[in-house]
């Protein structure tokens, strides 16, 4: 069961990184925080290249990354914008839609067909998304859906979940055409480079912004690195699907962070919705 503890830690560090990002966003802009997640990790990942073997890289690896890096850049900007303008407990649980979207994108991109449990999982994930706004049923049965449509952060996070359902498949191809450890070091470095022009365009004083909150930025980056490390340890010990499922417990951590740190409301319904979505993820990836 050692893998389980690593996966739980990975879920915790995921939520920790997001909560710290939201805290930083109180006086920092979206592009700075988005870049800091990867930029502050550069010294670490560059050191990794010294100790890991660089595998042969073919044209497929580079083509996949040419497609997925801009998509992931867009996703992280939307992600940070979502948690800046909307409650953490309302936005992060919607990332559970990614496995549901993956059922469709994996069929189109990889020819993987969903089974009965996948269909049940999609229904549960959708129900969970409904339940996180269940207080809006006072405005009718469609109230929770209207609440999602009226919340900018919710719409942005749904878009992020869909983009991740595409880039998740692309990342799988990239890893198959390189190696897990190489890609773990390669990806943050490339994302830091890709996001830097946005940082410069947004403001000419990019360096001043980057070093405006070094402690918080470092903590965000450390949490992101620890998410990667603990997740990789777990994946080495057991099937990826088990790790993906357990890591979605970050949804529950995020709701608790929203309540404890930002005094967000509707705790019970958002916890219930997150648990239902988490159950749906289990059906999609495990059963």
C-alpha atoms as a PDB file:
ATOM      1  CA  UNK A   1       0.000   0.000   0.000  1.00  0.00           C
ATOM      2  CA  UNK A   2       3.009   2.336  -0.150  1.00  0.00           C
ATOM      3  CA  UNK A   3       1.820   3.565  -3.550  1.00  0.00           C
ATOM      4  CA  UNK A   4      -1.427   4.721  -1.922  1.00  0.00           C
ATOM      5  CA  UNK A   5       0.386   7.022   0.492  1.00  0.00           C
ATOM      6  CA  UNK A   6       2.460   8.500  -2.322  1.00  0.00           C
ATOM      7  CA  UNK A   7      -0.725   9.085  -4.341  1.00  0.00           C
ATOM      8  CA  UNK A   8      -2.435  10.740  -1.361  1.00  0.00           C
ATOM      9  CA  UNK A   9       0.603  12.995  -0.927  1.00  0.00           C
ATOM     10  CA  UNK A  10       0.468  13.864  -4.616  1.00  0.00           C
ATOM     11  CA  UNK A  11      -3.204  14.830  -4.227  1.00  0.00           C
ATOM     12  CA  UNK A  12      -2.379  16.949  -1.188  1.00  0.00           C
ATOM     13  CA  UNK A  13       0.451  18.784  -2.951  1.00  0.00           C
ATOM     14  CA  UNK A  14      -1.816  19.416  -5.949  1.00  0.00           C
ATOM     15  CA  UNK A  15      -4.403  21.126  -3.757  1.00  0.00           C
ATOM     16  CA  UNK A  16      -1.636  22.884  -1.837  1.00  0.00           C
ATOM     17  CA  UNK A  17      -0.201  24.352  -5.048  1.00  0.00           C
ATOM     18  CA  UNK A  18      -3.622  25.586  -6.155  1.00  0.00           C
ATOM     19  CA  UNK A  19      -4.433  27.125  -2.757  1.00  0.00           C
ATOM     20  CA  UNK A  20      -1.070  28.918  -2.657  1.00  0.00           C
ATOM     21  CA  UNK A  21      -1.664  30.155  -6.199  1.00  0.00           C
ATOM     22  CA  UNK A  22      -5.042  31.600  -5.212  1.00  0.00           C
ATOM     23  CA  UNK A  23      -3.442  33.251  -2.180  1.00  0.00           C
ATOM     24  CA  UNK A  24      -0.764  34.826  -4.390  1.00  0.00           C
ATOM     25  CA  UNK A  25      -3.381  36.011  -6.880  1.00  0.00           C
ATOM     26  CA  UNK A  26      -4.696  38.463  -4.299  1.00  0.00           C
ATOM     27  CA  UNK A  27      -1.943  40.861  -5.348  1.00  0.00           C
ATOM     28  CA  UNK A  28      -0.370  39.256  -8.445  1.00  0.00           C
ATOM     29  CA  UNK A  29      -1.592  38.917 -12.011  1.00  0.00           C
ATOM     30  CA  UNK A  30      -2.558  35.689 -13.755  1.00  0.00           C
ATOM     31  CA  UNK A  31       0.434  35.477 -16.128  1.00  0.00           C
ATOM     32  CA  UNK A  32       2.999  35.916 -13.355  1.00  0.00           C
ATOM     33  CA  UNK A  33       1.507  33.152 -11.214  1.00  0.00           C
ATOM     34  CA  UNK A  34       1.085  30.862 -14.241  1.00  0.00           C
ATOM     35  CA  UNK A  35       4.757  31.276 -15.179  1.00  0.00           C
ATOM     36  CA  UNK A  36       5.988  30.936 -11.575  1.00  0.00           C
ATOM     37  CA  UNK A  37       4.513  27.424 -11.286  1.00  0.00           C
ATOM     38  CA  UNK A  38       7.072  26.266 -13.843  1.00  0.00           C
ATOM     39  CA  UNK A  39       9.708  28.993 -13.863  1.00  0.00           C
ATOM     40  CA  UNK A  40      10.699  28.600 -10.238  1.00  0.00           C
ATOM     41  CA  UNK A  41      11.129  24.872 -10.867  1.00  0.00           C
ATOM     42  CA  UNK A  42      13.729  25.459 -13.607  1.00  0.00           C
ATOM     43  CA  UNK A  43      16.835  25.097 -11.368  1.00  0.00           C
ATOM     44  CA  UNK A  44      15.554  21.742 -10.126  1.00  0.00           C
ATOM     45  CA  UNK A  45      14.527  20.296 -13.487  1.00  0.00           C
ATOM     46  CA  UNK A  46      17.746  21.460 -15.152  1.00  0.00           C
ATOM     47  CA  UNK A  47      19.669  19.557 -12.476  1.00  0.00           C
ATOM     48  CA  UNK A  48      17.566  16.496 -13.248  1.00  0.00           C
ATOM     49  CA  UNK A  49      18.913  16.462 -16.804  1.00  0.00           C
ATOM     50  CA  UNK A  50      22.365  15.785 -15.332  1.00  0.00           C
ATOM     51  CA  UNK A  51      21.215  12.554 -13.685  1.00  0.00           C
ATOM     52  CA  UNK A  52      18.691  11.110 -16.140  1.00  0.00           C
ATOM     53  CA  UNK A  53      19.374   9.459 -19.456  1.00  0.00           C
ATOM     54  CA  UNK A  54      18.150  11.370 -22.485  1.00  0.00           C
ATOM     55  CA  UNK A  55      16.352   8.837 -24.696  1.00  0.00           C
ATOM     56  CA  UNK A  56      16.303   8.912 -28.507  1.00  0.00           C
ATOM     57  CA  UNK A  57      13.659  11.441 -29.534  1.00  0.00           C
ATOM     58  CA  UNK A  58      11.803  10.905 -32.791  1.00  0.00           C
ATOM     59  CA  UNK A  59       9.651  13.205 -34.925  1.00  0.00           C
ATOM     60  CA  UNK A  60       6.468  12.024 -33.177  1.00  0.00           C
ATOM     61  CA  UNK A  61       7.748  13.288 -29.836  1.00  0.00           C
ATOM     62  CA  UNK A  62       8.450  16.759 -31.208  1.00  0.00           C
ATOM     63  CA  UNK A  63       5.217  16.924 -33.234  1.00  0.00           C
ATOM     64  CA  UNK A  64       3.118  15.986 -30.190  1.00  0.00           C
ATOM     65  CA  UNK A  65       4.796  18.661 -28.103  1.00  0.00           C
ATOM     66  CA  UNK A  66       4.373  21.306 -30.793  1.00  0.00           C
ATOM     67  CA  UNK A  67       0.632  20.650 -30.473  1.00  0.00           C
ATOM     68  CA  UNK A  68       0.293  20.150 -26.747  1.00  0.00           C
ATOM     69  CA  UNK A  69       2.540  22.904 -25.372  1.00  0.00           C
ATOM     70  CA  UNK A  70       0.344  25.769 -26.701  1.00  0.00           C
ATOM     71  CA  UNK A  71      -2.769  23.914 -25.531  1.00  0.00           C
ATOM     72  CA  UNK A  72      -1.344  23.384 -22.056  1.00  0.00           C
ATOM     73  CA  UNK A  73      -0.189  27.006 -21.975  1.00  0.00           C
ATOM     74  CA  UNK A  74      -3.751  28.096 -22.692  1.00  0.00           C
ATOM     75  CA  UNK A  75      -5.088  25.647 -20.102  1.00  0.00           C
ATOM     76  CA  UNK A  76      -2.835  26.869 -17.288  1.00  0.00           C
ATOM     77  CA  UNK A  77      -3.697  30.523 -17.974  1.00  0.00           C
ATOM     78  CA  UNK A  78      -7.425  29.675 -17.923  1.00  0.00           C
ATOM     79  CA  UNK A  79      -6.860  27.550 -14.805  1.00  0.00           C
ATOM     80  CA  UNK A  80      -5.174  30.363 -12.882  1.00  0.00           C
ATOM     81  CA  UNK A  81      -7.774  32.862 -14.075  1.00  0.00           C
ATOM     82  CA  UNK A  82     -10.560  30.538 -12.896  1.00  0.00           C
ATOM     83  CA  UNK A  83      -9.241  30.238  -9.341  1.00  0.00           C
ATOM     84  CA  UNK A  84      -8.523  33.985  -9.225  1.00  0.00           C
ATOM     85  CA  UNK A  85     -12.081  35.090  -9.929  1.00  0.00           C
ATOM     86  CA  UNK A  86     -14.160  32.205  -8.517  1.00  0.00           C
ATOM     87  CA  UNK A  87     -14.198  30.129  -5.305  1.00  0.00           C
ATOM     88  CA  UNK A  88     -11.633  27.353  -5.076  1.00  0.00           C
ATOM     89  CA  UNK A  89     -14.262  24.922  -3.781  1.00  0.00           C
ATOM     90  CA  UNK A  90     -16.403  25.618  -6.856  1.00  0.00           C
ATOM     91  CA  UNK A  91     -13.774  25.531  -9.600  1.00  0.00           C
ATOM     92  CA  UNK A  92     -11.228  22.802  -8.799  1.00  0.00           C
ATOM     93  CA  UNK A  93     -13.827  19.995  -8.422  1.00  0.00           C
ATOM     94  CA  UNK A  94     -14.740  20.602 -12.069  1.00  0.00           C
ATOM     95  CA  UNK A  95     -11.342  19.231 -13.107  1.00  0.00           C
ATOM     96  CA  UNK A  96     -12.932  15.840 -12.403  1.00  0.00           C
ATOM     97  CA  UNK A  97     -14.667  16.328 -15.743  1.00  0.00           C
ATOM     98  CA  UNK A  98     -11.337  15.548 -17.443  1.00  0.00           C
ATOM     99  CA  UNK A  99     -11.704  11.732 -17.081  1.00  0.00           C
ATOM    100  CA  UNK A 100     -15.263  12.036 -18.408  1.00  0.00           C
ATOM    101  CA  UNK A 101     -14.071  14.040 -21.408  1.00  0.00           C
ATOM    102  CA  UNK A 102     -11.203  11.568 -21.813  1.00  0.00           C
ATOM    103  CA  UNK A 103     -13.686   8.812 -22.573  1.00  0.00           C
ATOM    104  CA  UNK A 104     -14.670  10.735 -25.688  1.00  0.00           C
ATOM    105  CA  UNK A 105     -11.274  12.109 -26.712  1.00  0.00           C
ATOM    106  CA  UNK A 106      -9.551   8.760 -26.130  1.00  0.00           C
ATOM    107  CA  UNK A 107     -12.083   7.131 -28.458  1.00  0.00           C
ATOM    108  CA  UNK A 108     -11.468   9.730 -31.176  1.00  0.00           C
ATOM    109  CA  UNK A 109      -7.681   9.984 -30.761  1.00  0.00           C
ATOM    110  CA  UNK A 110      -6.680   6.498 -29.609  1.00  0.00           C
ATOM    111  CA  UNK A 111      -9.648   4.305 -30.560  1.00  0.00           C
ATOM    112  CA  UNK A 112     -10.294   3.362 -26.917  1.00  0.00           C
ATOM    113  CA  UNK A 113     -13.988   2.511 -26.409  1.00  0.00           C
ATOM    114  CA  UNK A 114     -15.772   3.245 -23.099  1.00  0.00           C
ATOM    115  CA  UNK A 115     -17.434   0.337 -21.267  1.00  0.00           C
ATOM    116  CA  UNK A 116     -20.490   0.253 -18.985  1.00  0.00           C
ATOM    117  CA  UNK A 117     -18.586   1.404 -15.906  1.00  0.00           C
ATOM    118  CA  UNK A 118     -17.212   4.334 -17.918  1.00  0.00           C
ATOM    119  CA  UNK A 119     -20.762   5.364 -18.772  1.00  0.00           C
ATOM    120  CA  UNK A 120     -21.788   5.142 -15.098  1.00  0.00           C
ATOM    121  CA  UNK A 121     -18.727   7.204 -14.176  1.00  0.00           C
ATOM    122  CA  UNK A 122     -19.670   9.959 -16.619  1.00  0.00           C
ATOM    123  CA  UNK A 123     -23.163  10.121 -15.117  1.00  0.00           C
ATOM    124  CA  UNK A 124     -21.749  10.354 -11.577  1.00  0.00           C
ATOM    125  CA  UNK A 125     -19.235  13.038 -12.530  1.00  0.00           C
ATOM    126  CA  UNK A 126     -22.005  15.051 -14.176  1.00  0.00           C
ATOM    127  CA  UNK A 127     -24.231  14.574 -11.125  1.00  0.00           C
ATOM    128  CA  UNK A 128     -21.381  15.740  -8.869  1.00  0.00           C
ATOM    129  CA  UNK A 129     -20.957  18.884 -10.965  1.00  0.00           C
ATOM    130  CA  UNK A 130     -24.691  19.507 -10.471  1.00  0.00           C
ATOM    131  CA  UNK A 131     -24.484  18.947  -6.705  1.00  0.00           C
ATOM    132  CA  UNK A 132     -21.718  21.500  -6.058  1.00  0.00           C
ATOM    133  CA  UNK A 133     -24.338  24.153  -6.857  1.00  0.00           C
ATOM    134  CA  UNK A 134     -27.332  22.294  -5.438  1.00  0.00           C
ATOM    135  CA  UNK A 135     -28.342  25.324  -3.329  1.00  0.00           C
ATOM    136  CA  UNK A 136     -29.434  26.917  -6.607  1.00  0.00           C
ATOM    137  CA  UNK A 137     -32.328  24.430  -6.891  1.00  0.00           C
ATOM    138  CA  UNK A 138     -34.328  27.097  -5.081  1.00  0.00           C
ATOM    139  CA  UNK A 139     -34.494  28.675  -8.547  1.00  0.00           C
ATOM    140  CA  UNK A 140     -35.675  25.415 -10.136  1.00  0.00           C
ATOM    141  CA  UNK A 141     -34.111  22.115 -11.180  1.00  0.00           C
ATOM    142  CA  UNK A 142     -31.967  23.875 -13.776  1.00  0.00           C
ATOM    143  CA  UNK A 143     -30.728  26.371 -11.179  1.00  0.00           C
ATOM    144  CA  UNK A 144     -27.406  24.566 -10.527  1.00  0.00           C
ATOM    145  CA  UNK A 145     -26.694  24.451 -14.267  1.00  0.00           C
ATOM    146  CA  UNK A 146     -27.466  28.142 -14.629  1.00  0.00           C
ATOM    147  CA  UNK A 147     -25.182  28.817 -11.645  1.00  0.00           C
ATOM    148  CA  UNK A 148     -22.321  27.139 -13.511  1.00  0.00           C
ATOM    149  CA  UNK A 149     -23.056  29.103 -16.681  1.00  0.00           C
ATOM    150  CA  UNK A 150     -23.163  32.365 -14.720  1.00  0.00           C
ATOM    151  CA  UNK A 151     -19.855  31.726 -12.929  1.00  0.00           C
ATOM    152  CA  UNK A 152     -16.839  32.721 -15.041  1.00  0.00           C
ATOM    153  CA  UNK A 153     -14.454  30.479 -13.126  1.00  0.00           C
ATOM    154  CA  UNK A 154     -16.680  27.423 -13.594  1.00  0.00           C
ATOM    155  CA  UNK A 155     -16.855  27.899 -17.361  1.00  0.00           C
ATOM    156  CA  UNK A 156     -13.103  28.441 -17.558  1.00  0.00           C
ATOM    157  CA  UNK A 157     -12.387  25.288 -15.517  1.00  0.00           C
ATOM    158  CA  UNK A 158     -14.706  23.215 -17.705  1.00  0.00           C
ATOM    159  CA  UNK A 159     -12.703  24.446 -20.696  1.00  0.00           C
ATOM    160  CA  UNK A 160      -9.504  23.482 -18.847  1.00  0.00           C
ATOM    161  CA  UNK A 161     -10.867  20.003 -18.123  1.00  0.00           C
ATOM    162  CA  UNK A 162     -11.641  19.525 -21.815  1.00  0.00           C
ATOM    163  CA  UNK A 163      -8.204  20.742 -22.927  1.00  0.00           C
ATOM    164  CA  UNK A 164      -6.563  18.386 -20.410  1.00  0.00           C
ATOM    165  CA  UNK A 165      -8.580  15.507 -21.849  1.00  0.00           C
ATOM    166  CA  UNK A 166      -6.797  16.181 -25.152  1.00  0.00           C
ATOM    167  CA  UNK A 167      -3.328  16.929 -23.802  1.00  0.00           C
ATOM    168  CA  UNK A 168      -3.539  13.931 -21.473  1.00  0.00           C
ATOM    169  CA  UNK A 169      -3.602  11.685 -24.528  1.00  0.00           C
ATOM    170  CA  UNK A 170      -0.833  13.690 -26.172  1.00  0.00           C
ATOM    171  CA  UNK A 171       1.325  13.448 -23.031  1.00  0.00           C
ATOM    172  CA  UNK A 172       0.849   9.681 -23.070  1.00  0.00           C
ATOM    173  CA  UNK A 173       2.161   9.569 -26.643  1.00  0.00           C
ATOM    174  CA  UNK A 174       5.087  11.854 -25.712  1.00  0.00           C
ATOM    175  CA  UNK A 175       6.055   9.594 -22.790  1.00  0.00           C
ATOM    176  CA  UNK A 176       5.845   6.494 -24.982  1.00  0.00           C
ATOM    177  CA  UNK A 177       8.242   8.182 -27.426  1.00  0.00           C
ATOM    178  CA  UNK A 178      10.693   9.286 -24.696  1.00  0.00           C
ATOM    179  CA  UNK A 179      10.633   8.148 -21.042  1.00  0.00           C
ATOM    180  CA  UNK A 180       8.624   9.054 -17.914  1.00  0.00           C
ATOM    181  CA  UNK A 181      11.552  10.673 -16.075  1.00  0.00           C
ATOM    182  CA  UNK A 182      12.799  12.581 -19.109  1.00  0.00           C
ATOM    183  CA  UNK A 183       9.348  13.962 -19.830  1.00  0.00           C
ATOM    184  CA  UNK A 184       8.924  14.898 -16.141  1.00  0.00           C
ATOM    185  CA  UNK A 185      11.970  17.158 -16.478  1.00  0.00           C
ATOM    186  CA  UNK A 186      11.335  18.270 -20.046  1.00  0.00           C
ATOM    187  CA  UNK A 187       7.742  19.402 -19.595  1.00  0.00           C
ATOM    188  CA  UNK A 188       8.180  22.087 -16.850  1.00  0.00           C
ATOM    189  CA  UNK A 189      11.204  23.530 -18.647  1.00  0.00           C
ATOM    190  CA  UNK A 190       9.353  23.851 -21.956  1.00  0.00           C
ATOM    191  CA  UNK A 191       6.258  25.290 -20.285  1.00  0.00           C
ATOM    192  CA  UNK A 192       8.349  27.927 -18.498  1.00  0.00           C
ATOM    193  CA  UNK A 193       9.833  28.969 -21.843  1.00  0.00           C
ATOM    194  CA  UNK A 194       6.438  28.939 -23.574  1.00  0.00           C
ATOM    195  CA  UNK A 195       4.741  31.090 -20.927  1.00  0.00           C
ATOM    196  CA  UNK A 196       7.541  33.639 -20.599  1.00  0.00           C
ATOM    197  CA  UNK A 197       6.545  35.690 -23.704  1.00  0.00           C
ATOM    198  CA  UNK A 198       3.062  36.151 -22.220  1.00  0.00           C
ATOM    199  CA  UNK A 199       4.678  37.467 -19.071  1.00  0.00           C
ATOM    200  CA  UNK A 200       6.744  39.977 -21.061  1.00  0.00           C
ATOM    201  CA  UNK A 201       3.851  41.063 -23.295  1.00  0.00           C
ATOM    202  CA  UNK A 202       1.577  41.608 -20.301  1.00  0.00           C
ATOM    203  CA  UNK A 203       4.125  43.928 -18.710  1.00  0.00           C
ATOM    204  CA  UNK A 204       7.554  45.190 -19.668  1.00  0.00           C
ATOM    205  CA  UNK A 205       8.751  44.767 -16.072  1.00  0.00           C
ATOM    206  CA  UNK A 206       8.592  40.974 -16.220  1.00  0.00           C
ATOM    207  CA  UNK A 207      11.600  40.382 -13.982  1.00  0.00           C
ATOM    208  CA  UNK A 208      10.269  42.727 -11.323  1.00  0.00           C
ATOM    209  CA  UNK A 209       6.973  40.830 -11.291  1.00  0.00           C
ATOM    210  CA  UNK A 210       8.687  37.443 -11.197  1.00  0.00           C
ATOM    211  CA  UNK A 211      10.614  38.336  -8.049  1.00  0.00           C
ATOM    212  CA  UNK A 212       7.778  40.235  -6.347  1.00  0.00           C
ATOM    213  CA  UNK A 213       6.706  37.264  -4.177  1.00  0.00           C
ATOM    214  CA  UNK A 214       9.688  34.899  -4.145  1.00  0.00           C
ATOM    215  CA  UNK A 215       8.649  32.932  -1.053  1.00  0.00           C
ATOM    216  CA  UNK A 216       5.111  32.201  -2.215  1.00  0.00           C
ATOM    217  CA  UNK A 217       6.268  31.517  -5.778  1.00  0.00           C
ATOM    218  CA  UNK A 218       8.887  29.098  -4.451  1.00  0.00           C
ATOM    219  CA  UNK A 219       6.291  27.308  -2.318  1.00  0.00           C
ATOM    220  CA  UNK A 220       3.972  26.984  -5.320  1.00  0.00           C
ATOM    221  CA  UNK A 221       6.787  25.563  -7.414  1.00  0.00           C
ATOM    222  CA  UNK A 222       7.949  23.204  -4.640  1.00  0.00           C
ATOM    223  CA  UNK A 223       4.393  21.911  -4.251  1.00  0.00           C
ATOM    224  CA  UNK A 224       4.210  21.340  -8.009  1.00  0.00           C
ATOM    225  CA  UNK A 225       7.534  19.467  -7.984  1.00  0.00           C
ATOM    226  CA  UNK A 226       6.463  17.331  -5.010  1.00  0.00           C
ATOM    227  CA  UNK A 227       3.213  16.557  -6.839  1.00  0.00           C
ATOM    228  CA  UNK A 228       5.272  15.254  -9.736  1.00  0.00           C
ATOM    229  CA  UNK A 229       7.773  13.303  -7.608  1.00  0.00           C
ATOM    230  CA  UNK A 230       5.226  11.586  -5.344  1.00  0.00           C
ATOM    231  CA  UNK A 231       3.011  10.826  -8.340  1.00  0.00           C
ATOM    232  CA  UNK A 232       5.934   9.246 -10.195  1.00  0.00           C
ATOM    233  CA  UNK A 233       6.850   7.095  -7.195  1.00  0.00           C
ATOM    234  CA  UNK A 234       3.252   5.875  -7.010  1.00  0.00           C
ATOM    235  CA  UNK A 235       3.124   5.139 -10.750  1.00  0.00           C
ATOM    236  CA  UNK A 236       6.297   3.055 -10.483  1.00  0.00           C
ATOM    237  CA  UNK A 237       4.581   0.778  -7.947  1.00  0.00           C
ATOM    238  CA  UNK A 238       1.104   0.275  -9.386  1.00  0.00           C
ATOM    239  CA  UNK A 239      -1.071   0.842 -12.457  1.00  0.00           C
ATOM    240  CA  UNK A 240      -1.500   4.447 -13.567  1.00  0.00           C
ATOM    241  CA  UNK A 241      -5.298   4.210 -13.320  1.00  0.00           C
ATOM    242  CA  UNK A 242      -5.104   3.571  -9.573  1.00  0.00           C
ATOM    243  CA  UNK A 243      -2.878   6.585  -9.060  1.00  0.00           C
ATOM    244  CA  UNK A 244      -5.108   8.852 -11.183  1.00  0.00           C
ATOM    245  CA  UNK A 245      -8.131   7.841  -9.125  1.00  0.00           C
ATOM    246  CA  UNK A 246      -6.529   8.459  -5.738  1.00  0.00           C
ATOM    247  CA  UNK A 247      -4.995  11.756  -6.843  1.00  0.00           C
ATOM    248  CA  UNK A 248      -8.505  13.076  -7.536  1.00  0.00           C
ATOM    249  CA  UNK A 249      -8.889  13.286  -3.737  1.00  0.00           C
ATOM    250  CA  UNK A 250      -7.303  16.691  -4.321  1.00  0.00           C
ATOM    251  CA  UNK A 251     -10.883  17.803  -5.066  1.00  0.00           C
ATOM    252  CA  UNK A 252     -11.817  17.249  -1.425  1.00  0.00           C
ATOM    253  CA  UNK A 253      -8.630  18.926  -0.189  1.00  0.00           C
ATOM    254  CA  UNK A 254      -9.415  21.930  -2.402  1.00  0.00           C
ATOM    255  CA  UNK A 255     -12.908  22.318  -0.934  1.00  0.00           C
ATOM    256  CA  UNK A 256     -11.452  22.207   2.583  1.00  0.00           C
ATOM    257  CA  UNK A 257      -8.757  24.745   1.647  1.00  0.00           C
ATOM    258  CA  UNK A 258     -11.450  27.010   0.233  1.00  0.00           C
ATOM    259  CA  UNK A 259     -13.342  26.866   3.517  1.00  0.00           C
ATOM    260  CA  UNK A 260     -10.327  27.185   5.839  1.00  0.00           C
ATOM    261  CA  UNK A 261      -8.252  29.790   3.989  1.00  0.00           C
ATOM    262  CA  UNK A 262     -10.780  31.799   2.007  1.00  0.00           C
ATOM    263  CA  UNK A 263     -13.965  31.394   4.070  1.00  0.00           C
ATOM    264  CA  UNK A 264     -15.864  29.994   1.099  1.00  0.00           C
ATOM    265  CA  UNK A 265     -19.463  28.964   1.708  1.00  0.00           C
ATOM    266  CA  UNK A 266     -21.688  25.972   0.835  1.00  0.00           C
ATOM    267  CA  UNK A 267     -19.069  23.577   2.243  1.00  0.00           C
ATOM    268  CA  UNK A 268     -21.365  20.552   2.659  1.00  0.00           C
ATOM    269  CA  UNK A 269     -22.811  20.553  -0.852  1.00  0.00           C
ATOM    270  CA  UNK A 270     -19.415  21.116  -2.461  1.00  0.00           C
ATOM    271  CA  UNK A 271     -17.904  18.293  -0.418  1.00  0.00           C
ATOM    272  CA  UNK A 272     -20.821  16.061  -1.430  1.00  0.00           C
ATOM    273  CA  UNK A 273     -20.462  17.046  -5.084  1.00  0.00           C
ATOM    274  CA  UNK A 274     -16.702  16.429  -4.967  1.00  0.00           C
ATOM    275  CA  UNK A 275     -17.151  12.977  -3.417  1.00  0.00           C
ATOM    276  CA  UNK A 276     -19.748  12.023  -6.045  1.00  0.00           C
ATOM    277  CA  UNK A 277     -17.417  13.235  -8.812  1.00  0.00           C
ATOM    278  CA  UNK A 278     -14.550  11.298  -7.238  1.00  0.00           C
ATOM    279  CA  UNK A 279     -16.731   8.168  -7.227  1.00  0.00           C
ATOM    280  CA  UNK A 280     -17.433   8.750 -10.910  1.00  0.00           C
ATOM    281  CA  UNK A 281     -13.692   8.970 -11.595  1.00  0.00           C
ATOM    282  CA  UNK A 282     -13.237   5.603  -9.842  1.00  0.00           C
ATOM    283  CA  UNK A 283     -15.841   4.040 -12.164  1.00  0.00           C
ATOM    284  CA  UNK A 284     -14.172   5.535 -15.235  1.00  0.00           C
ATOM    285  CA  UNK A 285     -10.560   4.611 -14.516  1.00  0.00           C
ATOM    286  CA  UNK A 286     -10.743   1.549 -12.246  1.00  0.00           C
ATOM    287  CA  UNK A 287     -13.871  -0.542 -12.823  1.00  0.00           C
END
